[in-house]
Structures are given as C-alpha cells and as structure tokens.
PDB file of N, CA and C in Angstrom:
ATOM      1  N   MET A   1     112.483 106.451 114.257  1.00  0.00           N
ATOM      2  CA  MET A   1     113.075 106.704 112.960  1.00  0.00           C
ATOM      3  C   MET A   1     113.744 105.433 112.472  1.00  0.00           C
ATOM      4  N   GLN A   2     113.479 105.091 111.240  1.00  0.00           N
ATOM      5  CA  GLN A   2     113.975 103.843 110.688  1.00  0.00           C
ATOM      6  C   GLN A   2     114.831 104.084 109.449  1.00  0.00           C
ATOM      7  N   TYR A   3     115.811 103.240 109.279  1.00  0.00           N
ATOM      8  CA  TYR A   3     116.598 103.173 108.055  1.00  0.00           C
ATOM      9  C   TYR A   3     116.056 102.008 107.249  1.00  0.00           C
ATOM     10  N   LEU A   4     115.946 102.167 105.947  1.00  0.00           N
ATOM     11  CA  LEU A   4     115.484 101.097 105.087  1.00  0.00           C
ATOM     12  C   LEU A   4     116.655 100.627 104.233  1.00  0.00           C
ATOM     13  N   VAL A   5     116.997  99.352 104.360  1.00  0.00           N
ATOM     14  CA  VAL A   5     118.083  98.748 103.594  1.00  0.00           C
ATOM     15  C   VAL A   5     117.442  97.866 102.532  1.00  0.00           C
ATOM     16  N   SER A   6     117.826  98.065 101.287  1.00  0.00           N
ATOM     17  CA  SER A   6     117.230  97.274 100.219  1.00  0.00           C
ATOM     18  C   SER A   6     118.292  96.795  99.239  1.00  0.00           C
ATOM     19  N   GLY A   7     117.959  95.753  98.521  1.00  0.00           N
ATOM     20  CA  GLY A   7     118.839  95.198  97.502  1.00  0.00           C
ATOM     21  C   GLY A   7     118.084  94.141  96.717  1.00  0.00           C
ATOM     22  N   ARG A   8     118.717  93.655  95.651  1.00  0.00           N
ATOM     23  CA  ARG A   8     118.057  92.611  94.850  1.00  0.00           C
ATOM     24  C   ARG A   8     119.042  91.503  94.526  1.00  0.00           C
ATOM     25  N   ASP A   9     118.478  90.316  94.367  1.00  0.00           N
ATOM     26  CA  ASP A   9     119.254  89.167  93.907  1.00  0.00           C
ATOM     27  C   ASP A   9     118.426  88.442  92.860  1.00  0.00           C
ATOM     28  N   GLN A  10     118.789  87.233  92.536  1.00  0.00           N
ATOM     29  CA  GLN A  10     118.087  86.474  91.498  1.00  0.00           C
ATOM     30  C   GLN A  10     116.626  86.212  91.858  1.00  0.00           C
ATOM     31  N   SER A  11     116.319  86.170  93.123  1.00  0.00           N
ATOM     32  CA  SER A  11     114.957  85.881  93.577  1.00  0.00           C
ATOM     33  C   SER A  11     114.063  87.108  93.601  1.00  0.00           C
ATOM     34  N   GLY A  12     114.662  88.296  93.614  1.00  0.00           N
ATOM     35  CA  GLY A  12     113.878  89.518  93.672  1.00  0.00           C
ATOM     36  C   GLY A  12     114.461  90.507  94.653  1.00  0.00           C
ATOM     37  N   TYR A  13     113.618  91.409  95.111  1.00  0.00           N
ATOM     38  CA  TYR A  13     114.050  92.483  96.007  1.00  0.00           C
ATOM     39  C   TYR A  13     113.787  92.137  97.467  1.00  0.00           C
ATOM     40  N   VAL A  14     114.621  92.710  98.323  1.00  0.00           N
ATOM     41  CA  VAL A  14     114.431  92.597  99.759  1.00  0.00           C
ATOM     42  C   VAL A  14     114.531  94.006 100.342  1.00  0.00           C
ATOM     43  N   SER A  15     113.685  94.313 101.300  1.00  0.00           N
ATOM     44  CA  SER A  15     113.734  95.579 102.025  1.00  0.00           C
ATOM     45  C   SER A  15     113.637  95.280 103.509  1.00  0.00           C
ATOM     46  N   LEU A  16     114.591  95.790 104.251  1.00  0.00           N
ATOM     47  CA  LEU A  16     114.678  95.517 105.679  1.00  0.00           C
ATOM     48  C   LEU A  16     114.846  96.824 106.437  1.00  0.00           C
ATOM     49  N   SER A  17     114.192  96.958 107.559  1.00  0.00           N
ATOM     50  CA  SER A  17     114.343  98.181 108.350  1.00  0.00           C
ATOM     51  C   SER A  17     115.318  97.934 109.493  1.00  0.00           C
ATOM     52  N   ARG A  18     116.047  98.989 109.837  1.00  0.00           N
ATOM     53  CA  ARG A  18     116.985  98.964 110.953  1.00  0.00           C
ATOM     54  C   ARG A  18     116.822 100.258 111.728  1.00  0.00           C
ATOM     55  N   ASP A  19     117.061 100.203 113.040  1.00  0.00           N
ATOM     56  CA  ASP A  19     116.848 101.354 113.912  1.00  0.00           C
ATOM     57  C   ASP A  19     118.013 102.333 113.971  1.00  0.00           C
ATOM     58  N   THR A  20     119.230 101.853 113.700  1.00  0.00           N
ATOM     59  CA  THR A  20     120.401 102.716 113.844  1.00  0.00           C
ATOM     60  C   THR A  20     121.227 102.733 112.560  1.00  0.00           C
ATOM     61  N   THR A  21     122.060 103.751 112.462  1.00  0.00           N
ATOM     62  CA  THR A  21     122.960 103.873 111.314  1.00  0.00           C
ATOM     63  C   THR A  21     123.890 102.672 111.238  1.00  0.00           C
ATOM     64  N   SER A  22     124.484 102.303 112.356  1.00  0.00           N
ATOM     65  CA  SER A  22     125.445 101.193 112.335  1.00  0.00           C
ATOM     66  C   SER A  22     124.772  99.877 111.961  1.00  0.00           C
ATOM     67  N   ALA A  23     123.559  99.648 112.423  1.00  0.00           N
ATOM     68  CA  ALA A  23     122.837  98.422 112.068  1.00  0.00           C
ATOM     69  C   ALA A  23     122.496  98.407 110.574  1.00  0.00           C
ATOM     70  N   ALA A  24     122.135  99.552 110.036  1.00  0.00           N
ATOM     71  CA  ALA A  24     121.817  99.641 108.606  1.00  0.00           C
ATOM     72  C   ALA A  24     123.064  99.379 107.761  1.00  0.00           C
ATOM     73  N   LEU A  25     124.175  99.983 108.154  1.00  0.00           N
ATOM     74  CA  LEU A  25     125.425  99.755 107.427  1.00  0.00           C
ATOM     75  C   LEU A  25     125.861  98.297 107.496  1.00  0.00           C
ATOM     76  N   LYS A  26     125.727  97.695 108.672  1.00  0.00           N
ATOM     77  CA  LYS A  26     126.102  96.285 108.838  1.00  0.00           C
ATOM     78  C   LYS A  26     125.265  95.398 107.922  1.00  0.00           C
ATOM     79  N   LYS A  27     123.955  95.599 107.904  1.00  0.00           N
ATOM     80  CA  LYS A  27     123.079  94.784 107.066  1.00  0.00           C
ATOM     81  C   LYS A  27     123.363  95.023 105.589  1.00  0.00           C
ATOM     82  N   ALA A  28     123.586  96.265 105.202  1.00  0.00           N
ATOM     83  CA  ALA A  28     123.881  96.572 103.802  1.00  0.00           C
ATOM     84  C   ALA A  28     125.159  95.870 103.350  1.00  0.00           C
ATOM     85  N   ARG A  29     126.177  95.892 104.189  1.00  0.00           N
ATOM     86  CA  ARG A  29     127.433  95.217 103.845  1.00  0.00           C
ATOM     87  C   ARG A  29     127.258  93.702 103.786  1.00  0.00           C
ATOM     88  N   GLU A  30     126.423  93.155 104.658  1.00  0.00           N
ATOM     89  CA  GLU A  30     126.131  91.716 104.614  1.00  0.00           C
ATOM     90  C   GLU A  30     125.452  91.352 103.293  1.00  0.00           C
ATOM     91  N   LEU A  31     124.496  92.172 102.879  1.00  0.00           N
ATOM     92  CA  LEU A  31     123.813  91.903 101.610  1.00  0.00           C
ATOM     93  C   LEU A  31     124.792  91.931 100.446  1.00  0.00           C
ATOM     94  N   LEU A  32     125.700  92.895 100.442  1.00  0.00           N
ATOM     95  CA  LEU A  32     126.710  92.960  99.382  1.00  0.00           C
ATOM     96  C   LEU A  32     127.579  91.710  99.372  1.00  0.00           C
ATOM     97  N   GLN A  33     128.002  91.255 100.553  1.00  0.00           N
ATOM     98  CA  GLN A  33     128.831  90.045 100.649  1.00  0.00           C
ATOM     99  C   GLN A  33     128.086  88.810 100.169  1.00  0.00           C
ATOM    100  N   GLU A  34     126.762  88.815 100.325  1.00  0.00           N
ATOM    101  CA  GLU A  34     125.947  87.683  99.892  1.00  0.00           C
ATOM    102  C   GLU A  34     125.615  87.749  98.400  1.00  0.00           C
ATOM    103  N   GLY A  35     126.093  88.776  97.715  1.00  0.00           N
ATOM    104  CA  GLY A  35     125.906  88.870  96.275  1.00  0.00           C
ATOM    105  C   GLY A  35     124.723  89.698  95.820  1.00  0.00           C
ATOM    106  N   TYR A  36     124.096  90.425  96.722  1.00  0.00           N
ATOM    107  CA  TYR A  36     122.985  91.288  96.328  1.00  0.00           C
ATOM    108  C   TYR A  36     123.501  92.462  95.506  1.00  0.00           C
ATOM    109  N   LEU A  37     122.675  92.924  94.591  1.00  0.00           N
ATOM    110  CA  LEU A  37     122.985  94.064  93.736  1.00  0.00           C
ATOM    111  C   LEU A  37     122.105  95.240  94.127  1.00  0.00           C
ATOM    112  N   ASP A  38     122.485  96.423  93.685  1.00  0.00           N
ATOM    113  CA  ASP A  38     121.692  97.633  93.940  1.00  0.00           C
ATOM    114  C   ASP A  38     121.362  97.803  95.423  1.00  0.00           C
ATOM    115  N   VAL A  39     122.330  97.523  96.281  1.00  0.00           N
ATOM    116  CA  VAL A  39     122.107  97.673  97.721  1.00  0.00           C
ATOM    117  C   VAL A  39     122.111  99.160  98.055  1.00  0.00           C
ATOM    118  N   ARG A  40     121.087  99.581  98.793  1.00  0.00           N
ATOM    119  CA  ARG A  40     120.914 100.989  99.140  1.00  0.00           C
ATOM    120  C   ARG A  40     120.433 101.123 100.570  1.00  0.00           C
ATOM    121  N   ILE A  41     120.703 102.282 101.130  1.00  0.00           N
ATOM    122  CA  ILE A  41     120.161 102.639 102.439  1.00  0.00           C
ATOM    123  C   ILE A  41     119.387 103.938 102.266  1.00  0.00           C
ATOM    124  N   CYS A  42     118.161 103.942 102.734  1.00  0.00           N
ATOM    125  CA  CYS A  42     117.371 105.161 102.777  1.00  0.00           C
ATOM    126  C   CYS A  42     117.342 105.615 104.232  1.00  0.00           C
ATOM    127  N   THR A  43     117.819 106.830 104.474  1.00  0.00           N
ATOM    128  CA  THR A  43     117.880 107.357 105.834  1.00  0.00           C
ATOM    129  C   THR A  43     116.503 107.860 106.268  1.00  0.00           C
ATOM    130  N   PRO A  44     116.311 108.075 107.560  1.00  0.00           N
ATOM    131  CA  PRO A  44     115.026 108.612 108.035  1.00  0.00           C
ATOM    132  C   PRO A  44     114.689 109.977 107.434  1.00  0.00           C
ATOM    133  N   GLN A  45     115.709 110.706 107.000  1.00  0.00           N
ATOM    134  CA  GLN A  45     115.484 112.014 106.392  1.00  0.00           C
ATOM    135  C   GLN A  45     115.200 111.911 104.891  1.00  0.00           C
ATOM    136  N   GLY A  46     115.237 110.682 104.343  1.00  0.00           N
ATOM    137  CA  GLY A  46     114.943 110.478 102.934  1.00  0.00           C
ATOM    138  C   GLY A  46     116.154 110.461 102.023  1.00  0.00           C
ATOM    139  N   ARG A  47     117.345 110.571 102.584  1.00  0.00           N
ATOM    140  CA  ARG A  47     118.563 110.514 101.772  1.00  0.00           C
ATOM    141  C   ARG A  47     118.805 109.077 101.319  1.00  0.00           C
ATOM    142  N   LEU A  48     119.139 108.900 100.051  1.00  0.00           N
ATOM    143  CA  LEU A  48     119.391 107.581  99.494  1.00  0.00           C
ATOM    144  C   LEU A  48     120.890 107.393  99.315  1.00  0.00           C
ATOM    145  N   LEU A  49     121.432 106.382  99.963  1.00  0.00           N
ATOM    146  CA  LEU A  49     122.862 106.093  99.885  1.00  0.00           C
ATOM    147  C   LEU A  49     123.097 104.848  99.059  1.00  0.00           C
ATOM    148  N   LEU A  50     123.966 104.954  98.060  1.00  0.00           N
ATOM    149  CA  LEU A  50     124.367 103.809  97.259  1.00  0.00           C
ATOM    150  C   LEU A  50     125.598 103.175  97.890  1.00  0.00           C
ATOM    151  N   SER A  51     125.929 101.962  97.459  1.00  0.00           N
ATOM    152  CA  SER A  51     126.986 101.202  98.120  1.00  0.00           C
ATOM    153  C   SER A  51     128.338 101.917  98.126  1.00  0.00           C
ATOM    154  N   ASP A  52     128.640 102.729  97.123  1.00  0.00           N
ATOM    155  CA  ASP A  52     129.931 103.412  97.120  1.00  0.00           C
ATOM    156  C   ASP A  52     129.973 104.581  98.103  1.00  0.00           C
ATOM    157  N   GLU A  53     128.865 104.901  98.731  1.00  0.00           N
ATOM    158  CA  GLU A  53     128.808 105.975  99.723  1.00  0.00           C
ATOM    159  C   GLU A  53     128.808 105.465 101.158  1.00  0.00           C
ATOM    160  N   PHE A  54     128.747 104.155 101.355  1.00  0.00           N
ATOM    161  CA  PHE A  54     128.643 103.598 102.701  1.00  0.00           C
ATOM    162  C   PHE A  54     129.834 103.967 103.581  1.00  0.00           C
ATOM    163  N   ASP A  55     131.040 103.935 103.022  1.00  0.00           N
ATOM    164  CA  ASP A  55     132.239 104.191 103.837  1.00  0.00           C
ATOM    165  C   ASP A  55     132.282 105.620 104.364  1.00  0.00           C
ATOM    166  N   GLY A  56     131.692 106.568 103.659  1.00  0.00           N
ATOM    167  CA  GLY A  56     131.693 107.954 104.097  1.00  0.00           C
ATOM    168  C   GLY A  56     130.529 108.338 104.976  1.00  0.00           C
ATOM    169  N   PHE A  57     129.627 107.390 105.221  1.00  0.00           N
ATOM    170  CA  PHE A  57     128.443 107.675 106.013  1.00  0.00           C
ATOM    171  C   PHE A  57     128.777 107.535 107.491  1.00  0.00           C
ATOM    172  N   GLU A  58     128.425 108.529 108.284  1.00  0.00           N
ATOM    173  CA  GLU A  58     128.734 108.539 109.717  1.00  0.00           C
ATOM    174  C   GLU A  58     128.024 107.410 110.456  1.00  0.00           C
ATOM    175  N   THR A  59     128.740 106.759 111.367  1.00  0.00           N
ATOM    176  CA  THR A  59     128.115 105.724 112.196  1.00  0.00           C
ATOM    177  C   THR A  59     127.877 106.223 113.592  1.00  0.00           C
TER     178      THR A  59
END
C-alpha cells in the first residue's frame, strides 16, 4: 500500500510515493517548506488530504 504525495512549483508538478503515513507526512511538509503549492497526500484508501489536514492525520 502506497501513499502518494504531490505538489506543484514553478517547474510543474511532482508526485512521490511513500510506504508509511509518517514518511508521507514528512515529505509533504518538506515540500511545503520548499515552497510547493497544492501539496496533497492520497492515502491507500483513496482519501485526499490537503495541507491544512496534515496535523490531524494519524501517524
């Protein structure tokens, strides 16, 4: 089961897979710190999490 972390910057979109919830959250937060916009996590169950939902997501 994979988590898909995605976001966009001036160059375009990036999509990265991570195996665990904590790894997905870590990468998503890194992308935000690097200035990416529209950072999202898609869970293995298909739930889409926006950046304002990251803090409430279980690790």
